Amino acid sequence: TSLAELELVPAVVAADDATLREVAGLMVASGVSAVLVGGAHSIITERD
């Protein structure tokens, strides 16, 4: 199955200057384990 055929969760994006608290809050509010920081330039995960 191609990834395009799946119902993927849209990426959650935080601002370039988001804090650790803000990205953690976005993860909790969105039910995701990773957030893009500043678009697709970087990714921060729960583990990070």
All heavy atoms as atom14 arrays in JSON, in Angstrom:
{
  "sequence": "TSLAELELVPAVVAADDATLREVAGLMVASGVSAVLVGGAHSIITERD",
  "atom14_mask": [
    [1, 1, 1, 1, 1, 1, 1, 0, 0, 0, 0, 0, 0, 0],
    [1, 1, 1, 1, 1, 1, 0, 0, 0, 0, 0, 0, 0, 0],
    [1, 1, 1, 1, 1, 1, 1, 1, 0, 0, 0, 0, 0, 0],
    [1, 1, 1, 1, 1, 0, 0, 0, 0, 0, 0, 0, 0, 0],
    [1, 1, 1, 1, 1, 1, 1, 1, 1, 0, 0, 0, 0, 0],
    [1, 1, 1, 1, 1, 1, 1, 1, 0, 0, 0, 0, 0, 0],
    [1, 1, 1, 1, 1, 1, 1, 1, 1, 0, 0, 0, 0, 0],
    [1, 1, 1, 1, 1, 1, 1, 1, 0, 0, 0, 0, 0, 0],
    [1, 1, 1, 1, 1, 1, 1, 0, 0, 0, 0, 0, 0, 0],
    [1, 1, 1, 1, 1, 1, 1, 0, 0, 0, 0, 0, 0, 0],
    [1, 1, 1, 1, 1, 0, 0, 0, 0, 0, 0, 0, 0, 0],
    [1, 1, 1, 1, 1, 1, 1, 0, 0, 0, 0, 0, 0, 0],
    [1, 1, 1, 1, 1, 1, 1, 0, 0, 0, 0, 0, 0, 0],
    [1, 1, 1, 1, 1, 0, 0, 0, 0, 0, 0, 0, 0, 0],
    [1, 1, 1, 1, 1, 0, 0, 0, 0, 0, 0, 0, 0, 0],
    [1, 1, 1, 1, 1, 1, 1, 1, 0, 0, 0, 0, 0, 0],
    [1, 1, 1, 1, 1, 1, 1, 1, 0, 0, 0, 0, 0, 0],
    [1, 1, 1, 1, 1, 0, 0, 0, 0, 0, 0, 0, 0, 0],
    [1, 1, 1, 1, 1, 1, 1, 0, 0, 0, 0, 0, 0, 0],
    [1, 1, 1, 1, 1, 1, 1, 1, 0, 0, 0, 0, 0, 0],
    [1, 1, 1, 1, 1, 1, 1, 1, 1, 1, 1, 0, 0, 0],
    [1, 1, 1, 1, 1, 1, 1, 1, 1, 0, 0, 0, 0, 0],
    [1, 1, 1, 1, 1, 1, 1, 0, 0, 0, 0, 0, 0, 0],
    [1, 1, 1, 1, 1, 0, 0, 0, 0, 0, 0, 0, 0, 0],
    [1, 1, 1, 1, 0, 0, 0, 0, 0, 0, 0, 0, 0, 0],
    [1, 1, 1, 1, 1, 1, 1, 1, 0, 0, 0, 0, 0, 0],
    [1, 1, 1, 1, 1, 1, 1, 1, 0, 0, 0, 0, 0, 0],
    [1, 1, 1, 1, 1, 1, 1, 0, 0, 0, 0, 0, 0, 0],
    [1, 1, 1, 1, 1, 0, 0, 0, 0, 0, 0, 0, 0, 0],
    [1, 1, 1, 1, 1, 1, 0, 0, 0, 0, 0, 0, 0, 0],
    [1, 1, 1, 1, 0, 0, 0, 0, 0, 0, 0, 0, 0, 0],
    [1, 1, 1, 1, 1, 1, 1, 0, 0, 0, 0, 0, 0, 0],
    [1, 1, 1, 1, 1, 1, 0, 0, 0, 0, 0, 0, 0, 0],
    [1, 1, 1, 1, 1, 0, 0, 0, 0, 0, 0, 0, 0, 0],
    [1, 1, 1, 1, 1, 1, 1, 0, 0, 0, 0, 0, 0, 0],
    [1, 1, 1, 1, 1, 1, 1, 1, 0, 0, 0, 0, 0, 0],
    [1, 1, 1, 1, 1, 1, 1, 0, 0, 0, 0, 0, 0, 0],
    [1, 1, 1, 1, 0, 0, 0, 0, 0, 0, 0, 0, 0, 0],
    [1, 1, 1, 1, 0, 0, 0, 0, 0, 0, 0, 0, 0, 0],
    [1, 1, 1, 1, 1, 0, 0, 0, 0, 0, 0, 0, 0, 0],
    [1, 1, 1, 1, 1, 1, 1, 1, 1, 1, 0, 0, 0, 0],
    [1, 1, 1, 1, 1, 1, 0, 0, 0, 0, 0, 0, 0, 0],
    [1, 1, 1, 1, 1, 1, 1, 1, 0, 0, 0, 0, 0, 0],
    [1, 1, 1, 1, 1, 1, 1, 1, 0, 0, 0, 0, 0, 0],
    [1, 1, 1, 1, 1, 1, 1, 0, 0, 0, 0, 0, 0, 0],
    [1, 1, 1, 1, 1, 1, 1, 1, 1, 0, 0, 0, 0, 0],
    [1, 1, 1, 1, 1, 1, 1, 1, 1, 1, 1, 0, 0, 0],
    [1, 1, 1, 1, 1, 1, 1, 1, 0, 0, 0, 0, 0, 0]
  ],
  "atom14_positions": [
    [[0.85, -1.19, 0.0], [0.0, 0.0, 0.0], [0.88, 1.24, 0.0], [1.86, 1.31, 0.74], [-0.9, 0.02, 1.25], [-1.69, -1.17, 1.27], [-1.8, 1.24, 1.28], [0.0, 0.0, 0.0], [0.0, 0.0, 0.0], [0.0, 0.0, 0.0], [0.0, 0.0, 0.0], [0.0, 0.0, 0.0], [0.0, 0.0, 0.0], [0.0, 0.0, 0.0]],
    [[0.54, 2.22, -0.83], [1.32, 3.45, -0.83], [0.93, 4.3, 0.37], [-0.2, 4.22, 0.88], [1.1, 4.24, -2.12], [-0.15, 4.88, -2.09], [0.0, 0.0, 0.0], [0.0, 0.0, 0.0], [0.0, 0.0, 0.0], [0.0, 0.0, 0.0], [0.0, 0.0, 0.0], [0.0, 0.0, 0.0], [0.0, 0.0, 0.0], [0.0, 0.0, 0.0]],
    [[1.87, 5.12, 0.82], [1.6, 6.0, 1.95], [0.46, 6.97, 1.62], [-0.29, 7.36, 2.51], [2.86, 6.75, 2.34], [4.02, 5.87, 2.82], [5.26, 6.73, 3.09], [3.64, 5.07, 4.06], [0.0, 0.0, 0.0], [0.0, 0.0, 0.0], [0.0, 0.0, 0.0], [0.0, 0.0, 0.0], [0.0, 0.0, 0.0], [0.0, 0.0, 0.0]],
    [[0.31, 7.32, 0.35], [-0.76, 8.23, -0.08], [-2.14, 7.63, 0.17], [-3.11, 8.37, 0.34], [-0.59, 8.58, -1.55], [0.0, 0.0, 0.0], [0.0, 0.0, 0.0], [0.0, 0.0, 0.0], [0.0, 0.0, 0.0], [0.0, 0.0, 0.0], [0.0, 0.0, 0.0], [0.0, 0.0, 0.0], [0.0, 0.0, 0.0], [0.0, 0.0, 0.0]],
    [[-2.23, 6.3, 0.2], [-3.51, 5.64, 0.42], [-3.9, 5.57, 1.89], [-5.04, 5.25, 2.21], [-3.47, 4.22, -0.14], [-3.3, 4.15, -1.64], [-3.18, 2.72, -2.11], [-4.19, 1.99, -2.04], [-2.07, 2.33, -2.53], [0.0, 0.0, 0.0], [0.0, 0.0, 0.0], [0.0, 0.0, 0.0], [0.0, 0.0, 0.0], [0.0, 0.0, 0.0]],
    [[-2.98, 5.86, 2.77], [-3.25, 5.8, 4.2], [-3.84, 7.11, 4.7], [-3.64, 8.16, 4.11], [-1.96, 5.51, 4.97], [-1.24, 4.22, 4.62], [0.05, 4.11, 5.42], [-2.13, 3.0, 4.85], [0.0, 0.0, 0.0], [0.0, 0.0, 0.0], [0.0, 0.0, 0.0], [0.0, 0.0, 0.0], [0.0, 0.0, 0.0], [0.0, 0.0, 0.0]],
    [[-4.56, 7.03, 5.8], [-5.08, 8.23, 6.44], [-4.03, 8.69, 7.46], [-4.12, 8.38, 8.64], [-6.41, 7.94, 7.09], [-7.49, 7.6, 6.09], [-8.83, 7.27, 6.74], [-9.09, 7.75, 7.85], [-9.58, 6.51, 6.12], [0.0, 0.0, 0.0], [0.0, 0.0, 0.0], [0.0, 0.0, 0.0], [0.0, 0.0, 0.0], [0.0, 0.0, 0.0]],
    [[-3.05, 9.44, 6.98], [-1.96, 9.89, 7.82], [-2.36, 11.14, 8.6], [-3.17, 11.94, 8.14], [-0.72, 10.19, 6.97], [-0.19, 9.01, 6.16], [0.97, 9.46, 5.27], [0.26, 7.89, 7.08], [0.0, 0.0, 0.0], [0.0, 0.0, 0.0], [0.0, 0.0, 0.0], [0.0, 0.0, 0.0], [0.0, 0.0, 0.0], [0.0, 0.0, 0.0]],
    [[-1.78, 11.3, 9.76], [-2.01, 12.48, 10.59], [-1.22, 13.64, 9.97], [-0.03, 13.5, 9.71], [-1.53, 12.22, 12.04], [-1.64, 13.47, 12.88], [-2.29, 11.06, 12.65], [0.0, 0.0, 0.0], [0.0, 0.0, 0.0], [0.0, 0.0, 0.0], [0.0, 0.0, 0.0], [0.0, 0.0, 0.0], [0.0, 0.0, 0.0], [0.0, 0.0, 0.0]],
    [[-1.88, 14.77, 9.73], [-1.13, 15.91, 9.19], [-0.04, 16.35, 10.16], [-0.19, 16.23, 11.39], [-2.2, 17.01, 9.06], [-3.51, 16.3, 9.08], [-3.29, 15.06, 9.9], [0.0, 0.0, 0.0], [0.0, 0.0, 0.0], [0.0, 0.0, 0.0], [0.0, 0.0, 0.0], [0.0, 0.0, 0.0], [0.0, 0.0, 0.0], [0.0, 0.0, 0.0]],
    [[1.05, 16.85, 9.62], [2.16, 17.29, 10.44], [1.73, 18.45, 11.33], [0.98, 19.33, 10.92], [3.33, 17.71, 9.56], [0.0, 0.0, 0.0], [0.0, 0.0, 0.0], [0.0, 0.0, 0.0], [0.0, 0.0, 0.0], [0.0, 0.0, 0.0], [0.0, 0.0, 0.0], [0.0, 0.0, 0.0], [0.0, 0.0, 0.0], [0.0, 0.0, 0.0]],
    [[2.23, 18.43, 12.55], [2.03, 19.54, 13.48], [3.3, 20.36, 13.42], [4.4, 19.82, 13.54], [1.75, 19.03, 14.91], [1.63, 20.18, 15.88], [0.5, 18.15, 14.93], [0.0, 0.0, 0.0], [0.0, 0.0, 0.0], [0.0, 0.0, 0.0], [0.0, 0.0, 0.0], [0.0, 0.0, 0.0], [0.0, 0.0, 0.0], [0.0, 0.0, 0.0]],
    [[3.15, 21.67, 13.23], [4.31, 22.54, 13.05], [4.35, 23.59, 14.15], [3.34, 24.25, 14.43], [4.26, 23.23, 11.67], [5.47, 24.11, 11.46], [4.15, 22.19, 10.55], [0.0, 0.0, 0.0], [0.0, 0.0, 0.0], [0.0, 0.0, 0.0], [0.0, 0.0, 0.0], [0.0, 0.0, 0.0], [0.0, 0.0, 0.0], [0.0, 0.0, 0.0]],
    [[5.52, 23.72, 14.75], [5.75, 24.75, 15.75], [6.6, 25.86, 15.13], [7.33, 25.63, 14.16], [6.48, 24.15, 16.96], [0.0, 0.0, 0.0], [0.0, 0.0, 0.0], [0.0, 0.0, 0.0], [0.0, 0.0, 0.0], [0.0, 0.0, 0.0], [0.0, 0.0, 0.0], [0.0, 0.0, 0.0], [0.0, 0.0, 0.0], [0.0, 0.0, 0.0]],
    [[6.54, 27.02, 15.71], [7.35, 28.15, 15.25], [8.83, 27.87, 15.49], [9.18, 27.06, 16.35], [6.94, 29.42, 15.99], [0.0, 0.0, 0.0], [0.0, 0.0, 0.0], [0.0, 0.0, 0.0], [0.0, 0.0, 0.0], [0.0, 0.0, 0.0], [0.0, 0.0, 0.0], [0.0, 0.0, 0.0], [0.0, 0.0, 0.0], [0.0, 0.0, 0.0]],
    [[9.68, 28.54, 14.73], [11.13, 28.39, 14.89], [11.59, 28.64, 16.33], [12.53, 28.01, 16.8], [11.89, 29.36, 13.98], [11.9, 28.92, 12.53], [11.95, 27.71, 12.27], [11.87, 29.8, 11.66], [0.0, 0.0, 0.0], [0.0, 0.0, 0.0], [0.0, 0.0, 0.0], [0.0, 0.0, 0.0], [0.0, 0.0, 0.0], [0.0, 0.0, 0.0]],
    [[10.93, 29.56, 17.0], [11.36, 29.94, 18.35], [10.54, 29.27, 19.46], [10.59, 29.69, 20.62], [11.3, 31.46, 18.51], [9.9, 32.03, 18.32], [8.98, 31.29, 17.87], [9.71, 33.23, 18.62], [0.0, 0.0, 0.0], [0.0, 0.0, 0.0], [0.0, 0.0, 0.0], [0.0, 0.0, 0.0], [0.0, 0.0, 0.0], [0.0, 0.0, 0.0]],
    [[9.81, 28.21, 19.13], [9.0, 27.5, 20.13], [9.88, 26.93, 21.23], [11.01, 26.5, 20.98], [8.19, 26.39, 19.48], [0.0, 0.0, 0.0], [0.0, 0.0, 0.0], [0.0, 0.0, 0.0], [0.0, 0.0, 0.0], [0.0, 0.0, 0.0], [0.0, 0.0, 0.0], [0.0, 0.0, 0.0], [0.0, 0.0, 0.0], [0.0, 0.0, 0.0]],
    [[9.35, 26.92, 22.44], [10.09, 26.37, 23.57], [9.79, 24.87, 23.72], [8.85, 24.35, 23.1], [9.68, 27.07, 24.88], [8.29, 26.78, 25.14], [9.9, 28.57, 24.81], [0.0, 0.0, 0.0], [0.0, 0.0, 0.0], [0.0, 0.0, 0.0], [0.0, 0.0, 0.0], [0.0, 0.0, 0.0], [0.0, 0.0, 0.0], [0.0, 0.0, 0.0]],
    [[10.58, 24.22, 24.54], [10.33, 22.81, 24.83], [8.93, 22.62, 25.4], [8.22, 21.68, 25.04], [11.39, 22.26, 25.8], [12.78, 22.1, 25.21], [13.81, 21.87, 26.32], [12.83, 20.97, 24.2], [0.0, 0.0, 0.0], [0.0, 0.0, 0.0], [0.0, 0.0, 0.0], [0.0, 0.0, 0.0], [0.0, 0.0, 0.0], [0.0, 0.0, 0.0]],
    [[8.52, 23.52, 26.28], [7.18, 23.45, 26.86], [6.11, 23.56, 25.77], [5.13, 22.83, 25.76], [6.98, 24.55, 27.89], [5.6, 24.53, 28.55], [5.32, 25.78, 29.39], [6.39, 26.17, 30.26], [6.59, 25.74, 31.51], [5.76, 24.84, 32.02], [7.59, 26.18, 32.24], [0.0, 0.0, 0.0], [0.0, 0.0, 0.0], [0.0, 0.0, 0.0]],
    [[6.3, 24.48, 24.83], [5.32, 24.67, 23.77], [5.24, 23.46, 22.85], [4.13, 23.03, 22.48], [5.66, 25.93, 22.96], [5.42, 27.21, 23.74], [6.0, 28.45, 23.09], [6.98, 28.33, 22.32], [5.48, 29.54, 23.37], [0.0, 0.0, 0.0], [0.0, 0.0, 0.0], [0.0, 0.0, 0.0], [0.0, 0.0, 0.0], [0.0, 0.0, 0.0]],
    [[6.37, 22.88, 22.47], [6.29, 21.71, 21.59], [5.69, 20.52, 22.34], [4.93, 19.76, 21.75], [7.64, 21.33, 20.93], [8.12, 22.44, 20.02], [8.7, 20.95, 21.91], [0.0, 0.0, 0.0], [0.0, 0.0, 0.0], [0.0, 0.0, 0.0], [0.0, 0.0, 0.0], [0.0, 0.0, 0.0], [0.0, 0.0, 0.0], [0.0, 0.0, 0.0]],
    [[6.0, 20.38, 23.63], [5.39, 19.3, 24.41], [3.87, 19.51, 24.47], [3.1, 18.55, 24.33], [5.99, 19.25, 25.81], [0.0, 0.0, 0.0], [0.0, 0.0, 0.0], [0.0, 0.0, 0.0], [0.0, 0.0, 0.0], [0.0, 0.0, 0.0], [0.0, 0.0, 0.0], [0.0, 0.0, 0.0], [0.0, 0.0, 0.0], [0.0, 0.0, 0.0]],
    [[3.44, 20.74, 24.66], [2.01, 21.05, 24.68], [1.33, 20.74, 23.35], [0.21, 20.22, 23.32], [0.0, 0.0, 0.0], [0.0, 0.0, 0.0], [0.0, 0.0, 0.0], [0.0, 0.0, 0.0], [0.0, 0.0, 0.0], [0.0, 0.0, 0.0], [0.0, 0.0, 0.0], [0.0, 0.0, 0.0], [0.0, 0.0, 0.0], [0.0, 0.0, 0.0]],
    [[2.02, 21.07, 22.26], [1.48, 20.75, 20.93], [1.34, 19.24, 20.74], [0.34, 18.77, 20.19], [2.38, 21.31, 19.84], [2.27, 22.79, 19.52], [3.37, 23.22, 18.56], [0.9, 23.1, 18.94], [0.0, 0.0, 0.0], [0.0, 0.0, 0.0], [0.0, 0.0, 0.0], [0.0, 0.0, 0.0], [0.0, 0.0, 0.0], [0.0, 0.0, 0.0]],
    [[2.33, 18.5, 21.21], [2.27, 17.03, 21.08], [1.07, 16.48, 21.84], [0.32, 15.65, 21.31], [3.56, 16.4, 21.6], [4.75, 16.6, 20.72], [6.22, 15.85, 21.47], [7.51, 16.66, 20.54], [0.0, 0.0, 0.0], [0.0, 0.0, 0.0], [0.0, 0.0, 0.0], [0.0, 0.0, 0.0], [0.0, 0.0, 0.0], [0.0, 0.0, 0.0]],
    [[0.88, 16.95, 23.07], [-0.23, 16.46, 23.9], [-1.57, 16.87, 23.27], [-2.47, 16.03, 23.11], [-0.12, 17.0, 25.34], [-1.38, 16.7, 26.14], [1.11, 16.4, 26.03], [0.0, 0.0, 0.0], [0.0, 0.0, 0.0], [0.0, 0.0, 0.0], [0.0, 0.0, 0.0], [0.0, 0.0, 0.0], [0.0, 0.0, 0.0], [0.0, 0.0, 0.0]],
    [[-1.69, 18.13, 22.89], [-2.96, 18.62, 22.34], [-3.31, 17.95, 21.01], [-4.49, 17.73, 20.72], [-2.88, 20.14, 22.15], [0.0, 0.0, 0.0], [0.0, 0.0, 0.0], [0.0, 0.0, 0.0], [0.0, 0.0, 0.0], [0.0, 0.0, 0.0], [0.0, 0.0, 0.0], [0.0, 0.0, 0.0], [0.0, 0.0, 0.0], [0.0, 0.0, 0.0]],
    [[-2.3, 17.61, 20.23], [-2.53, 17.03, 18.91], [-2.49, 15.51, 18.89], [-2.8, 14.89, 17.87], [-1.48, 17.55, 17.91], [-1.51, 18.95, 17.88], [0.0, 0.0, 0.0], [0.0, 0.0, 0.0], [0.0, 0.0, 0.0], [0.0, 0.0, 0.0], [0.0, 0.0, 0.0], [0.0, 0.0, 0.0], [0.0, 0.0, 0.0], [0.0, 0.0, 0.0]],
    [[-2.04, 14.9, 19.99], [-1.95, 13.44, 20.05], [-0.88, 12.87, 19.14], [-1.06, 11.81, 18.56], [0.0, 0.0, 0.0], [0.0, 0.0, 0.0], [0.0, 0.0, 0.0], [0.0, 0.0, 0.0], [0.0, 0.0, 0.0], [0.0, 0.0, 0.0], [0.0, 0.0, 0.0], [0.0, 0.0, 0.0], [0.0, 0.0, 0.0], [0.0, 0.0, 0.0]],
    [[0.23, 13.61, 19.0], [1.33, 13.16, 18.16], [2.59, 13.01, 19.0], [2.67, 13.52, 20.12], [1.59, 14.13, 16.98], [0.37, 14.2, 16.07], [1.97, 15.52, 17.47], [0.0, 0.0, 0.0], [0.0, 0.0, 0.0], [0.0, 0.0, 0.0], [0.0, 0.0, 0.0], [0.0, 0.0, 0.0], [0.0, 0.0, 0.0], [0.0, 0.0, 0.0]],
    [[3.57, 12.31, 18.46], [4.82, 12.09, 19.2], [6.0, 12.87, 18.62], [7.12, 12.73, 19.09], [5.17, 10.6, 19.22], [5.35, 10.13, 17.9], [0.0, 0.0, 0.0], [0.0, 0.0, 0.0], [0.0, 0.0, 0.0], [0.0, 0.0, 0.0], [0.0, 0.0, 0.0], [0.0, 0.0, 0.0], [0.0, 0.0, 0.0], [0.0, 0.0, 0.0]],
    [[5.71, 13.69, 17.61], [6.77, 14.51, 17.01], [6.14, 15.76, 16.41], [4.99, 15.75, 15.98], [7.5, 13.72, 15.93], [0.0, 0.0, 0.0], [0.0, 0.0, 0.0], [0.0, 0.0, 0.0], [0.0, 0.0, 0.0], [0.0, 0.0, 0.0], [0.0, 0.0, 0.0], [0.0, 0.0, 0.0], [0.0, 0.0, 0.0], [0.0, 0.0, 0.0]],
    [[6.93, 16.83, 16.41], [6.49, 18.11, 15.88], [7.59, 18.66, 14.98], [8.77, 18.57, 15.32], [6.2, 19.1, 17.04], [5.95, 20.5, 16.53], [5.05, 18.62, 17.9], [0.0, 0.0, 0.0], [0.0, 0.0, 0.0], [0.0, 0.0, 0.0], [0.0, 0.0, 0.0], [0.0, 0.0, 0.0], [0.0, 0.0, 0.0], [0.0, 0.0, 0.0]],
    [[7.2, 19.2, 13.85], [8.16, 19.89, 13.0], [8.4, 21.28, 13.59], [7.46, 21.94, 14.04], [7.63, 20.02, 11.57], [7.39, 18.7, 10.84], [6.8, 18.97, 9.45], [8.67, 17.91, 10.72], [0.0, 0.0, 0.0], [0.0, 0.0, 0.0], [0.0, 0.0, 0.0], [0.0, 0.0, 0.0], [0.0, 0.0, 0.0], [0.0, 0.0, 0.0]],
    [[9.64, 21.71, 13.6], [9.98, 23.03, 14.12], [10.37, 23.9, 12.94], [11.32, 23.58, 12.22], [11.12, 22.94, 15.15], [11.47, 24.33, 15.68], [10.75, 22.02, 16.3], [0.0, 0.0, 0.0], [0.0, 0.0, 0.0], [0.0, 0.0, 0.0], [0.0, 0.0, 0.0], [0.0, 0.0, 0.0], [0.0, 0.0, 0.0], [0.0, 0.0, 0.0]],
    [[9.63, 24.98, 12.73], [9.92, 25.87, 11.61], [9.68, 25.23, 10.26], [10.53, 25.28, 9.38], [0.0, 0.0, 0.0], [0.0, 0.0, 0.0], [0.0, 0.0, 0.0], [0.0, 0.0, 0.0], [0.0, 0.0, 0.0], [0.0, 0.0, 0.0], [0.0, 0.0, 0.0], [0.0, 0.0, 0.0], [0.0, 0.0, 0.0], [0.0, 0.0, 0.0]],
    [[8.55, 24.6, 10.08], [8.27, 23.9, 8.82], [8.93, 22.54, 8.85], [9.0, 21.89, 9.89], [0.0, 0.0, 0.0], [0.0, 0.0, 0.0], [0.0, 0.0, 0.0], [0.0, 0.0, 0.0], [0.0, 0.0, 0.0], [0.0, 0.0, 0.0], [0.0, 0.0, 0.0], [0.0, 0.0, 0.0], [0.0, 0.0, 0.0], [0.0, 0.0, 0.0]],
    [[9.45, 22.11, 7.7], [10.08, 20.79, 7.63], [11.59, 20.88, 7.83], [12.32, 19.98, 7.47], [9.78, 20.13, 6.29], [0.0, 0.0, 0.0], [0.0, 0.0, 0.0], [0.0, 0.0, 0.0], [0.0, 0.0, 0.0], [0.0, 0.0, 0.0], [0.0, 0.0, 0.0], [0.0, 0.0, 0.0], [0.0, 0.0, 0.0], [0.0, 0.0, 0.0]],
    [[12.05, 21.96, 8.45], [13.49, 22.15, 8.63], [14.07, 21.28, 9.74], [15.23, 20.91, 9.71], [13.81, 23.62, 8.92], [13.36, 24.53, 7.83], [13.89, 24.5, 6.57], [12.39, 25.47, 7.82], [13.29, 25.39, 5.82], [12.36, 25.99, 6.55], [0.0, 0.0, 0.0], [0.0, 0.0, 0.0], [0.0, 0.0, 0.0], [0.0, 0.0, 0.0]],
    [[13.26, 20.97, 10.74], [13.73, 20.09, 11.82], [12.52, 19.44, 12.48], [11.4, 19.89, 12.35], [14.58, 20.86, 12.83], [13.84, 21.88, 13.44], [0.0, 0.0, 0.0], [0.0, 0.0, 0.0], [0.0, 0.0, 0.0], [0.0, 0.0, 0.0], [0.0, 0.0, 0.0], [0.0, 0.0, 0.0], [0.0, 0.0, 0.0], [0.0, 0.0, 0.0]],
    [[12.81, 18.36, 13.2], [11.77, 17.61, 13.89], [12.23, 17.35, 15.32], [13.39, 17.04, 15.57], [11.46, 16.28, 13.15], [10.24, 15.58, 13.75], [12.68, 15.37, 13.12], [9.74, 14.4, 12.91], [0.0, 0.0, 0.0], [0.0, 0.0, 0.0], [0.0, 0.0, 0.0], [0.0, 0.0, 0.0], [0.0, 0.0, 0.0], [0.0, 0.0, 0.0]],
    [[11.3, 17.5, 16.25], [11.59, 17.18, 17.64], [10.57, 16.15, 18.1], [9.39, 16.24, 17.78], [11.59, 18.44, 18.54], [12.1, 18.09, 19.94], [10.23, 19.11, 18.57], [12.53, 19.29, 20.76], [0.0, 0.0, 0.0], [0.0, 0.0, 0.0], [0.0, 0.0, 0.0], [0.0, 0.0, 0.0], [0.0, 0.0, 0.0], [0.0, 0.0, 0.0]],
    [[11.06, 15.14, 18.79], [10.21, 14.03, 19.23], [10.05, 14.05, 20.74], [10.77, 14.77, 21.45], [10.82, 12.68, 18.81], [12.03, 12.49, 19.55], [11.1, 12.63, 17.31], [0.0, 0.0, 0.0], [0.0, 0.0, 0.0], [0.0, 0.0, 0.0], [0.0, 0.0, 0.0], [0.0, 0.0, 0.0], [0.0, 0.0, 0.0], [0.0, 0.0, 0.0]],
    [[9.13, 13.23, 21.22], [8.96, 13.09, 22.67], [10.28, 12.7, 23.32], [10.63, 13.21, 24.4], [7.93, 12.0, 22.98], [6.52, 12.35, 22.61], [5.59, 11.17, 22.75], [6.0, 10.02, 22.5], [4.42, 11.41, 23.09], [0.0, 0.0, 0.0], [0.0, 0.0, 0.0], [0.0, 0.0, 0.0], [0.0, 0.0, 0.0], [0.0, 0.0, 0.0]],
    [[11.0, 11.8, 22.69], [12.28, 11.35, 23.24], [13.27, 12.5, 23.35], [14.02, 12.6, 24.32], [12.87, 10.22, 22.39], [12.03, 8.97, 22.45], [12.59, 7.91, 21.55], [13.71, 7.27, 22.22], [14.5, 6.39, 21.69], [14.34, 6.04, 20.44], [15.47, 5.83, 22.37], [0.0, 0.0, 0.0], [0.0, 0.0, 0.0], [0.0, 0.0, 0.0]],
    [[13.29, 13.38, 22.35], [14.18, 14.54, 22.4], [13.83, 15.44, 23.58], [14.73, 15.94, 24.28], [14.08, 15.36, 21.1], [14.52, 14.61, 19.87], [15.47, 13.79, 19.97], [13.93, 14.83, 18.8], [0.0, 0.0, 0.0], [0.0, 0.0, 0.0], [0.0, 0.0, 0.0], [0.0, 0.0, 0.0], [0.0, 0.0, 0.0], [0.0, 0.0, 0.0]]
  ]
}
